[in-house]
Amino acid sequence: MNSQKKTPEQGILKSIEKFKAAWNIHDAAAFAQLFTEDADFTNVFGQQFRGRPAIEAQHVPIFSTMFKASSISILKTGIRFLSETLAAVDVIWNMSGAMNFMGNPWPDRKGLMSLVMQRKGEEWFILVMHNMDLPAVPAPDLKNTVAANGFHAKASL
């Protein structure tokens, strides 16, 4: 019998997998259980919700309409521990199968979830979540772009 405890990183990654699973079966109750009771949630539209009940209530209608056929995949996860019980977590995601507000197919999207996660016992929960779409075009190489256009950064004291 393997009695090894999972590492904090493994605990966070398990919670992210549960997030993906709840989203992909469109289960608002299971989705909301991944948040702390007093969590703050900001979606990609800038709407803010506080508390697990509000997060669940917000997802019930969208899981049966615009996101009912959606699927997310996790592309990359970055973790920085702030303490033994808090971590800043960045999750790059991809979504397919969503519809816009008019019911038309929405192109596949890529985004970033910026999370503060809190450990309670052996489980990690989302305390704060800010979700955003990432632009379809890659970010410019600012170092070379700025230098090529003759701009020079000056340090100010």
Foldseek 3Di string as FASTA:
>chain_A
DDPDADDLVVQVVVLVVQCQVCLQQLPLLSNLVQADQFAWEQEAVRDIDTGSVRSSVVSNVQCVAQSVNKHKDWDDKDWDDPDPFKIWMKTKMKMADGAPPVRHGDHIWIWIKTFIWGDDPSHIGTRYIHIHTDDPDDDDPVVVVCVVVPHDDDDDD
